[in-house]
Amino acid sequence: MRRGASGGAARRAVGALLPVLRAAVAVIAAAAAAAALAAATLTAARAAEAPPPLREPAVISAKAPRAATLAVARAGARLVAAGERGTVLLSDDHGASWRQAAVPVRVTLTALRFVDAQRGWAAGHQGVILHTRDGGQSWTLQLDGVRAAALVLAAAKDADESTQRAAQRLVDEGPDKPFFDIHFADALRGFAVGAYNLAFATEDGGASWRPIGARLPNGQARHLYAVHADGALVVIAGEQGLLLKSTDGGASFTALPSPYKGSFFGLLVARSGTLIAFGLRGHVFRSADGGRRWDAVNAGTPVTITAGTELPDGTLALTNQIGEVLTSRDDGRSFARAGSAGQPLPAAGLAATADGRWVLATLRGTHRVAAAH
């Protein structure tokens, strides 16, 4: 009797506790749901946040032509330069005078690419990519670091845990990663690369961009400083001698044997198919077999080379950090000094003018350089 009574009392005690336990479980579940919702809301809020430079247009200023510029490009006969605080400058008199264009952001712009006289793209800090359809007179924002991070996170949803954590960090850190270069093979297909393996591609002229960093054999997340696309060929150059190549339009990449352990700040893919990579301390390397073998080229300068371009006649031109212009008329086998600004200038970009001169983008504005004869 005592055992049965004791058992019945125990059952009654447990029965009395069940509602309390259920209530406690419900409270815990509700708290967990609330915490998850709060975390999701915080992540969404962070993703929705855009710092003022991404929301405010570049300031129109009479001082803009003297602003630091990092890139210059030809848009037909027009010259377009870009640089600090979203400054974009236009010249229709071969660089003799400049006027400022309307730009929807005020972040530093590092790279320009035009496929014809009207259509072009600019890229820069805080993950910005801009597009123009009127030769640089007005620009629209196609991508910024907030949206870029969200795209990387979405692309990592089925990846391994380490990749997902890295993608989440990109969102949490905010739009602090710059693009260093942008290049389009044609009016639709383009690539943008930047810091810490940041890499994006488009096949619709930038109407949509997708992350491709996971395709790159760059496990150390080294900075990507230059990209060039030509047909199915895509070549990327970067930090610590990094050279990457795709022969299927960017669907996959392989690492090229590197002839140098210093950083490559730029590259050219000549119409002949020759690859030219250049960078620190005047180092220039040439490959005539798609990057399997590289030969050192004596460029005649110990100064870091920052930019290059190819002229319609096949002449290859480079500029260095003191504003010297070096040209090659033998497909990159040798270079000779072809002009300078007359004084050392921190040059970062180079373009040939329609009247046979050069224009340098420098940290002290744009400068015309007479070609040496």
Protein backbone atom coordinates (compact mmCIF):
# COMPACT_ATOMS: atom_id res chain seq x y z
CA MET A 1 0.00 0.00 0.00
CA ARG A 2 2.75 2.42 0.89
CA ARG A 3 4.56 1.66 -2.39
CA GLY A 4 1.40 2.23 -4.42
CA ALA A 5 0.56 5.40 -2.51
CA SER A 6 4.09 6.62 -2.96
CA GLY A 7 3.94 5.88 -6.72
CA GLY A 8 0.63 7.67 -7.07
CA ALA A 9 1.97 10.71 -5.22
CA ALA A 10 4.98 10.80 -7.53
CA ARG A 11 2.77 10.62 -10.62
CA ARG A 12 0.60 13.41 -9.26
CA ALA A 13 3.70 15.53 -8.55
CA VAL A 14 5.04 15.00 -12.06
CA GLY A 15 1.61 15.76 -13.51
CA ALA A 16 1.54 19.00 -11.57
CA LEU A 17 4.98 19.93 -12.90
CA LEU A 18 4.25 19.18 -16.57
CA PRO A 19 2.44 22.48 -17.27
CA VAL A 20 5.32 24.36 -15.66
CA LEU A 21 7.89 22.44 -17.72
CA ARG A 22 5.91 22.99 -20.92
CA ALA A 23 5.69 26.69 -20.15
CA ALA A 24 9.43 26.86 -19.50
CA VAL A 25 10.17 25.04 -22.78
CA ALA A 26 7.86 27.44 -24.58
CA VAL A 27 9.63 30.42 -23.02
CA ILE A 28 13.04 29.03 -23.99
CA ALA A 29 11.86 28.33 -27.55
CA ALA A 30 10.38 31.80 -27.81
CA ALA A 31 13.60 33.33 -26.52
CA ALA A 32 15.65 31.32 -29.02
CA ALA A 33 13.33 32.35 -31.85
CA ALA A 34 13.54 35.96 -30.74
CA ALA A 35 17.34 35.75 -30.59
CA ALA A 36 17.48 34.22 -34.08
CA LEU A 37 15.13 36.89 -35.38
CA ALA A 38 17.21 39.60 -33.74
CA ALA A 39 20.41 38.18 -35.25
CA ALA A 40 18.78 37.95 -38.68
CA THR A 41 17.43 41.48 -38.31
CA LEU A 42 20.85 42.77 -37.28
CA THR A 43 22.50 41.06 -40.26
CA ALA A 44 19.84 42.45 -42.58
CA ALA A 45 20.23 45.89 -41.05
CA ARG A 46 23.99 45.75 -41.50
CA ALA A 47 23.53 44.62 -45.09
CA ALA A 48 21.08 47.44 -45.70
CA GLU A 49 23.41 50.05 -44.23
CA ALA A 50 25.40 52.00 -46.75
CA PRO A 51 27.94 54.56 -45.56
CA PRO A 52 27.50 58.16 -46.74
CA PRO A 53 30.07 57.92 -49.57
CA LEU A 54 27.84 55.29 -51.21
CA ARG A 55 24.69 57.37 -50.78
CA GLU A 56 25.93 60.85 -51.61
CA PRO A 57 27.03 62.17 -55.02
CA ALA A 58 30.49 63.48 -55.76
CA VAL A 59 30.83 67.17 -54.95
CA ILE A 60 31.04 69.40 -58.01
CA SER A 61 34.05 71.63 -57.47
CA ALA A 62 36.21 74.03 -59.45
CA LYS A 63 39.18 72.27 -57.86
CA ALA A 64 38.25 68.88 -59.35
CA PRO A 65 40.72 69.11 -62.29
CA ARG A 66 43.53 69.25 -59.73
CA ALA A 67 42.25 66.30 -57.69
CA ALA A 68 44.24 63.11 -57.38
CA THR A 69 43.46 60.86 -60.35
CA LEU A 70 44.21 57.14 -60.52
CA ALA A 71 42.95 56.16 -63.98
CA VAL A 72 42.53 57.66 -67.44
CA ALA A 73 41.04 56.09 -70.57
CA ARG A 74 39.96 56.91 -74.12
CA ALA A 75 36.26 57.00 -74.98
CA GLY A 76 36.51 57.56 -78.72
CA ALA A 77 38.37 60.85 -79.09
CA ARG A 78 37.34 61.91 -75.56
CA LEU A 79 39.54 61.38 -72.52
CA VAL A 80 37.98 60.31 -69.21
CA ALA A 81 39.89 60.44 -65.91
CA ALA A 82 38.79 59.26 -62.47
CA GLY A 83 40.10 59.49 -58.92
CA GLU A 84 39.48 60.58 -55.37
CA ARG A 85 36.04 61.21 -53.86
CA GLY A 86 34.21 60.04 -56.97
CA THR A 87 35.78 62.65 -59.24
CA VAL A 88 35.35 61.94 -62.95
CA LEU A 89 36.79 64.39 -65.47
CA LEU A 90 36.14 64.71 -69.21
CA SER A 91 38.29 66.31 -71.90
CA ASP A 92 37.35 66.87 -75.53
CA ASP A 93 40.54 68.78 -76.42
CA HIS A 94 43.13 66.01 -75.88
CA GLY A 95 43.61 66.78 -72.20
CA ALA A 96 44.24 70.52 -72.48
CA SER A 97 41.15 71.29 -70.37
CA TRP A 98 38.79 69.25 -68.23
CA ARG A 99 35.24 69.44 -66.90
CA GLN A 100 33.64 67.40 -64.12
CA ALA A 101 30.96 64.76 -64.68
CA ALA A 102 28.02 63.88 -62.44
CA VAL A 103 28.76 60.79 -60.31
CA PRO A 104 26.31 59.24 -57.79
CA VAL A 105 28.97 58.28 -55.20
CA ARG A 106 31.95 59.99 -53.59
CA VAL A 107 34.34 57.07 -53.16
CA THR A 108 37.79 56.91 -54.73
CA LEU A 109 37.69 55.42 -58.22
CA THR A 110 40.68 53.33 -59.27
CA ALA A 111 39.97 51.94 -62.75
CA LEU A 112 38.22 52.79 -66.03
CA ARG A 113 37.31 50.76 -69.09
CA PHE A 114 35.46 51.85 -72.27
CA VAL A 115 34.43 49.47 -75.03
CA ASP A 116 33.44 52.30 -77.39
CA ALA A 117 32.90 56.06 -77.36
CA GLN A 118 29.74 55.80 -75.26
CA ARG A 119 29.79 52.72 -73.03
CA GLY A 120 32.19 52.47 -70.13
CA TRP A 121 32.67 51.33 -66.54
CA ALA A 122 34.53 52.62 -63.49
CA ALA A 123 35.44 50.70 -60.34
CA GLY A 124 36.86 51.65 -56.99
CA HIS A 125 36.70 51.71 -53.23
CA GLN A 126 33.85 50.29 -51.14
CA GLY A 127 33.12 47.73 -53.86
CA VAL A 128 31.79 50.30 -56.32
CA ILE A 129 31.17 49.64 -60.02
CA LEU A 130 29.68 52.46 -62.12
CA HIS A 131 28.39 52.46 -65.71
CA THR A 132 28.01 55.18 -68.33
CA ARG A 133 26.13 55.13 -71.63
CA ASP A 134 27.00 58.67 -72.73
CA GLY A 135 30.77 58.80 -72.86
CA GLY A 136 31.22 59.51 -69.17
CA GLN A 137 28.92 62.51 -68.81
CA SER A 138 26.65 60.67 -66.36
CA TRP A 139 27.02 57.46 -64.35
CA THR A 140 24.79 54.92 -62.64
CA LEU A 141 25.74 52.63 -59.74
CA GLN A 142 25.74 48.93 -60.69
CA LEU A 143 27.36 47.40 -57.60
CA ASP A 144 28.61 48.44 -54.17
CA GLY A 145 30.32 46.64 -51.31
CA VAL A 146 27.10 46.07 -49.38
CA ARG A 147 25.45 44.25 -52.26
CA ALA A 148 28.72 42.53 -53.23
CA ALA A 149 29.04 41.02 -49.74
CA ALA A 150 25.41 39.87 -49.82
CA LEU A 151 26.03 38.17 -53.17
CA VAL A 152 29.11 36.38 -51.81
CA LEU A 153 27.12 35.20 -48.77
CA ALA A 154 24.27 33.93 -50.94
CA ALA A 155 26.71 32.09 -53.21
CA ALA A 156 28.27 30.38 -50.16
CA LYS A 157 25.03 28.88 -48.79
CA ASP A 158 25.91 25.38 -50.02
CA ALA A 159 29.65 25.68 -49.44
CA ASP A 160 31.71 24.30 -46.55
CA GLU A 161 31.54 25.89 -43.11
CA SER A 162 34.84 27.75 -43.51
CA THR A 163 33.68 29.38 -46.74
CA GLN A 164 30.38 30.34 -45.14
CA ARG A 165 32.18 31.94 -42.18
CA ALA A 166 34.42 33.92 -44.52
CA ALA A 167 31.39 35.11 -46.47
CA GLN A 168 29.63 36.15 -43.26
CA ARG A 169 32.73 38.09 -42.19
CA LEU A 170 32.60 39.97 -45.48
CA VAL A 171 29.05 41.07 -44.63
CA ASP A 172 29.92 41.92 -41.02
CA GLU A 173 32.98 43.96 -41.95
CA GLY A 174 30.98 46.26 -44.21
CA PRO A 175 31.88 47.63 -47.64
CA ASP A 176 35.59 48.25 -47.00
CA LYS A 177 37.07 46.19 -49.87
CA PRO A 178 38.16 48.12 -52.99
CA PHE A 179 38.18 47.03 -56.59
CA PHE A 180 41.56 47.72 -58.20
CA ASP A 181 40.80 46.97 -61.85
CA ILE A 182 37.96 46.36 -64.27
CA HIS A 183 38.03 45.09 -67.85
CA PHE A 184 35.43 44.18 -70.46
CA ALA A 185 36.01 41.84 -73.36
CA ASP A 186 33.00 43.40 -75.11
CA ALA A 187 29.89 45.38 -74.21
CA LEU A 188 28.43 42.48 -72.21
CA ARG A 189 31.18 40.40 -70.62
CA GLY A 190 33.40 41.94 -67.97
CA PHE A 191 35.43 41.28 -64.83
CA ALA A 192 36.34 43.32 -61.76
CA VAL A 193 39.03 42.37 -59.23
CA GLY A 194 40.30 43.80 -55.98
CA ALA A 195 41.52 43.32 -52.42
CA TYR A 196 41.58 39.97 -50.64
CA ASN A 197 40.58 37.90 -53.68
CA LEU A 198 37.56 40.08 -54.45
CA ALA A 199 36.45 39.07 -57.95
CA PHE A 200 33.19 39.52 -59.85
CA ALA A 201 31.98 38.85 -63.37
CA THR A 202 29.06 39.92 -65.55
CA GLU A 203 27.64 38.65 -68.82
CA ASP A 204 24.98 41.33 -69.29
CA GLY A 205 26.95 44.56 -69.26
CA GLY A 206 26.79 44.85 -65.48
CA ALA A 207 23.02 44.63 -65.09
CA SER A 208 23.91 41.76 -62.76
CA TRP A 209 27.23 40.76 -61.21
CA ARG A 210 28.21 37.42 -59.66
CA PRO A 211 31.15 36.58 -57.37
CA ILE A 212 33.83 34.33 -58.86
CA GLY A 213 36.48 34.47 -56.12
CA ALA A 214 35.79 30.84 -55.20
CA ARG A 215 36.98 29.80 -58.68
CA LEU A 216 40.43 31.34 -58.25
CA PRO A 217 43.39 29.26 -57.00
CA ASN A 218 44.29 31.95 -54.47
CA GLY A 219 44.05 30.25 -51.09
CA GLN A 220 45.94 33.05 -49.33
CA ALA A 221 43.42 35.63 -50.56
CA ARG A 222 46.16 37.76 -52.09
CA HIS A 223 45.17 41.10 -53.58
CA LEU A 224 44.20 41.08 -57.27
CA TYR A 225 45.58 44.20 -58.96
CA ALA A 226 44.85 43.69 -62.65
CA VAL A 227 42.56 41.80 -65.00
CA HIS A 228 42.40 41.59 -68.80
CA ALA A 229 39.76 39.76 -70.83
CA ASP A 230 40.05 39.01 -74.54
CA GLY A 231 37.62 36.52 -76.03
CA ALA A 232 37.76 33.32 -73.98
CA LEU A 233 41.08 34.38 -72.40
CA VAL A 234 41.05 36.02 -68.96
CA VAL A 235 44.29 36.83 -67.15
CA ILE A 236 44.59 38.14 -63.57
CA ALA A 237 47.74 39.51 -61.91
CA GLY A 238 48.26 40.35 -58.28
CA GLU A 239 50.19 40.34 -55.06
CA GLN A 240 53.34 38.27 -54.47
CA GLY A 241 53.77 37.30 -58.10
CA LEU A 242 50.25 35.93 -58.51
CA LEU A 243 49.30 35.14 -62.11
CA LEU A 244 46.04 33.37 -62.99
CA LYS A 245 44.60 32.38 -66.36
CA SER A 246 41.29 31.19 -67.78
CA THR A 247 40.79 29.89 -71.31
CA ASP A 248 37.04 29.29 -70.94
CA GLY A 249 35.82 32.83 -70.42
CA GLY A 250 36.29 32.80 -66.65
CA ALA A 251 34.45 29.55 -65.88
CA SER A 252 37.65 28.14 -64.36
CA PHE A 253 41.15 29.41 -63.60
CA THR A 254 44.61 27.89 -63.23
CA ALA A 255 47.72 29.39 -61.64
CA LEU A 256 50.51 30.30 -64.06
CA PRO A 257 54.15 29.71 -63.15
CA SER A 258 55.35 33.09 -61.89
CA PRO A 259 58.75 34.51 -62.82
CA TYR A 260 58.71 36.95 -59.89
CA LYS A 261 57.70 37.00 -56.23
CA GLY A 262 57.02 40.73 -56.07
CA SER A 263 53.63 42.24 -56.82
CA PHE A 264 52.34 42.74 -60.36
CA PHE A 265 50.37 45.99 -60.58
CA GLY A 266 49.25 45.60 -64.18
CA LEU A 267 49.27 43.54 -67.32
CA LEU A 268 48.68 43.83 -71.04
CA VAL A 269 47.42 41.23 -73.47
CA ALA A 270 48.63 42.51 -76.82
CA ARG A 271 46.66 41.91 -80.00
CA SER A 272 49.49 39.58 -81.01
CA GLY A 273 48.62 37.39 -77.99
CA THR A 274 51.77 38.35 -76.09
CA LEU A 275 51.34 38.77 -72.32
CA ILE A 276 53.15 41.59 -70.52
CA ALA A 277 53.14 41.69 -66.70
CA PHE A 278 54.71 44.59 -64.81
CA GLY A 279 55.09 45.89 -61.30
CA LEU A 280 57.52 46.64 -58.50
CA ARG A 281 60.94 48.21 -59.11
CA GLY A 282 60.56 48.35 -62.87
CA HIS A 283 60.12 44.63 -63.34
CA VAL A 284 58.58 43.66 -66.69
CA PHE A 285 58.05 40.11 -67.95
CA ARG A 286 56.94 38.87 -71.36
CA SER A 287 55.31 35.60 -72.40
CA ALA A 288 54.69 34.59 -76.00
CA ASP A 289 53.19 31.18 -75.17
CA GLY A 290 50.18 32.02 -73.04
CA GLY A 291 52.05 32.29 -69.75
CA ARG A 292 53.86 28.93 -69.66
CA ARG A 293 57.25 30.63 -69.97
CA TRP A 294 58.24 34.19 -69.05
CA ASP A 295 61.25 36.26 -70.09
CA ALA A 296 62.50 39.25 -68.15
CA VAL A 297 62.46 42.49 -70.14
CA ASN A 298 64.83 45.36 -69.40
CA ALA A 299 62.48 48.34 -69.28
CA GLY A 300 65.32 50.74 -68.49
CA THR A 301 63.89 51.92 -65.17
CA PRO A 302 64.26 50.81 -61.54
CA VAL A 303 61.01 52.58 -60.68
CA THR A 304 57.71 50.74 -60.07
CA ILE A 305 55.57 50.53 -63.20
CA THR A 306 51.94 51.35 -62.53
CA ALA A 307 49.97 51.31 -65.80
CA GLY A 308 50.08 50.35 -69.46
CA THR A 309 48.15 50.52 -72.70
CA GLU A 310 48.32 49.39 -76.33
CA LEU A 311 48.01 51.85 -79.20
CA PRO A 312 46.08 51.12 -82.42
CA ASP A 313 49.37 50.58 -84.29
CA GLY A 314 50.45 47.89 -81.81
CA THR A 315 52.84 50.06 -79.81
CA LEU A 316 52.88 49.04 -76.15
CA ALA A 317 53.25 51.84 -73.59
CA LEU A 318 53.97 51.80 -69.85
CA THR A 319 54.27 54.51 -67.22
CA ASN A 320 56.07 54.44 -63.89
CA GLN A 321 55.69 56.13 -60.53
CA ILE A 322 57.63 59.22 -61.57
CA GLY A 323 55.64 59.83 -64.74
CA GLU A 324 58.00 58.49 -67.38
CA VAL A 325 56.46 56.91 -70.49
CA LEU A 326 58.16 53.81 -71.90
CA THR A 327 57.20 52.34 -75.28
CA SER A 328 57.85 49.16 -77.21
CA ARG A 329 57.49 48.72 -80.95
CA ASP A 330 58.74 45.13 -81.03
CA ASP A 331 55.87 43.39 -79.22
CA GLY A 332 57.28 43.98 -75.75
CA ARG A 333 60.78 42.60 -76.30
CA SER A 334 62.32 45.95 -75.39
CA PHE A 335 61.18 49.34 -74.11
CA ALA A 336 62.60 52.83 -74.54
CA ARG A 337 61.85 56.12 -72.82
CA ALA A 338 59.30 58.03 -74.92
CA GLY A 339 58.52 61.06 -72.78
CA SER A 340 57.98 62.39 -69.29
CA ALA A 341 56.07 65.08 -67.45
CA GLY A 342 59.28 67.10 -67.04
CA GLN A 343 59.21 66.63 -63.28
CA PRO A 344 58.71 63.56 -61.12
CA LEU A 345 54.98 62.95 -60.74
CA PRO A 346 53.26 60.05 -58.91
CA ALA A 347 51.59 58.58 -61.99
CA ALA A 348 48.94 55.86 -61.75
CA GLY A 349 47.27 55.84 -65.18
CA LEU A 350 48.17 56.33 -68.85
CA ALA A 351 46.29 57.01 -72.08
CA ALA A 352 47.29 58.09 -75.57
CA THR A 353 45.58 61.21 -76.94
CA ALA A 354 44.12 61.54 -80.42
CA ASP A 355 46.73 64.22 -81.23
CA GLY A 356 49.74 62.02 -80.57
CA ARG A 357 50.52 62.88 -76.97
CA TRP A 358 50.12 61.11 -73.65
CA VAL A 359 47.98 61.92 -70.66
CA LEU A 360 49.00 60.78 -67.21
CA ALA A 361 46.64 60.32 -64.28
CA THR A 362 48.63 61.40 -61.23
CA LEU A 363 48.11 62.23 -57.58
CA ARG A 364 48.46 65.89 -58.65
CA GLY A 365 45.83 65.86 -61.35
CA THR A 366 46.12 64.97 -65.04
CA HIS A 367 49.16 65.95 -67.12
CA ARG A 368 49.80 66.05 -70.86
CA VAL A 369 53.13 64.63 -71.98
CA ALA A 370 54.70 65.28 -75.36
CA ALA A 371 55.84 62.15 -77.15
CA ALA A 372 59.58 61.85 -77.71
CA HIS A 373 60.73 61.70 -81.33
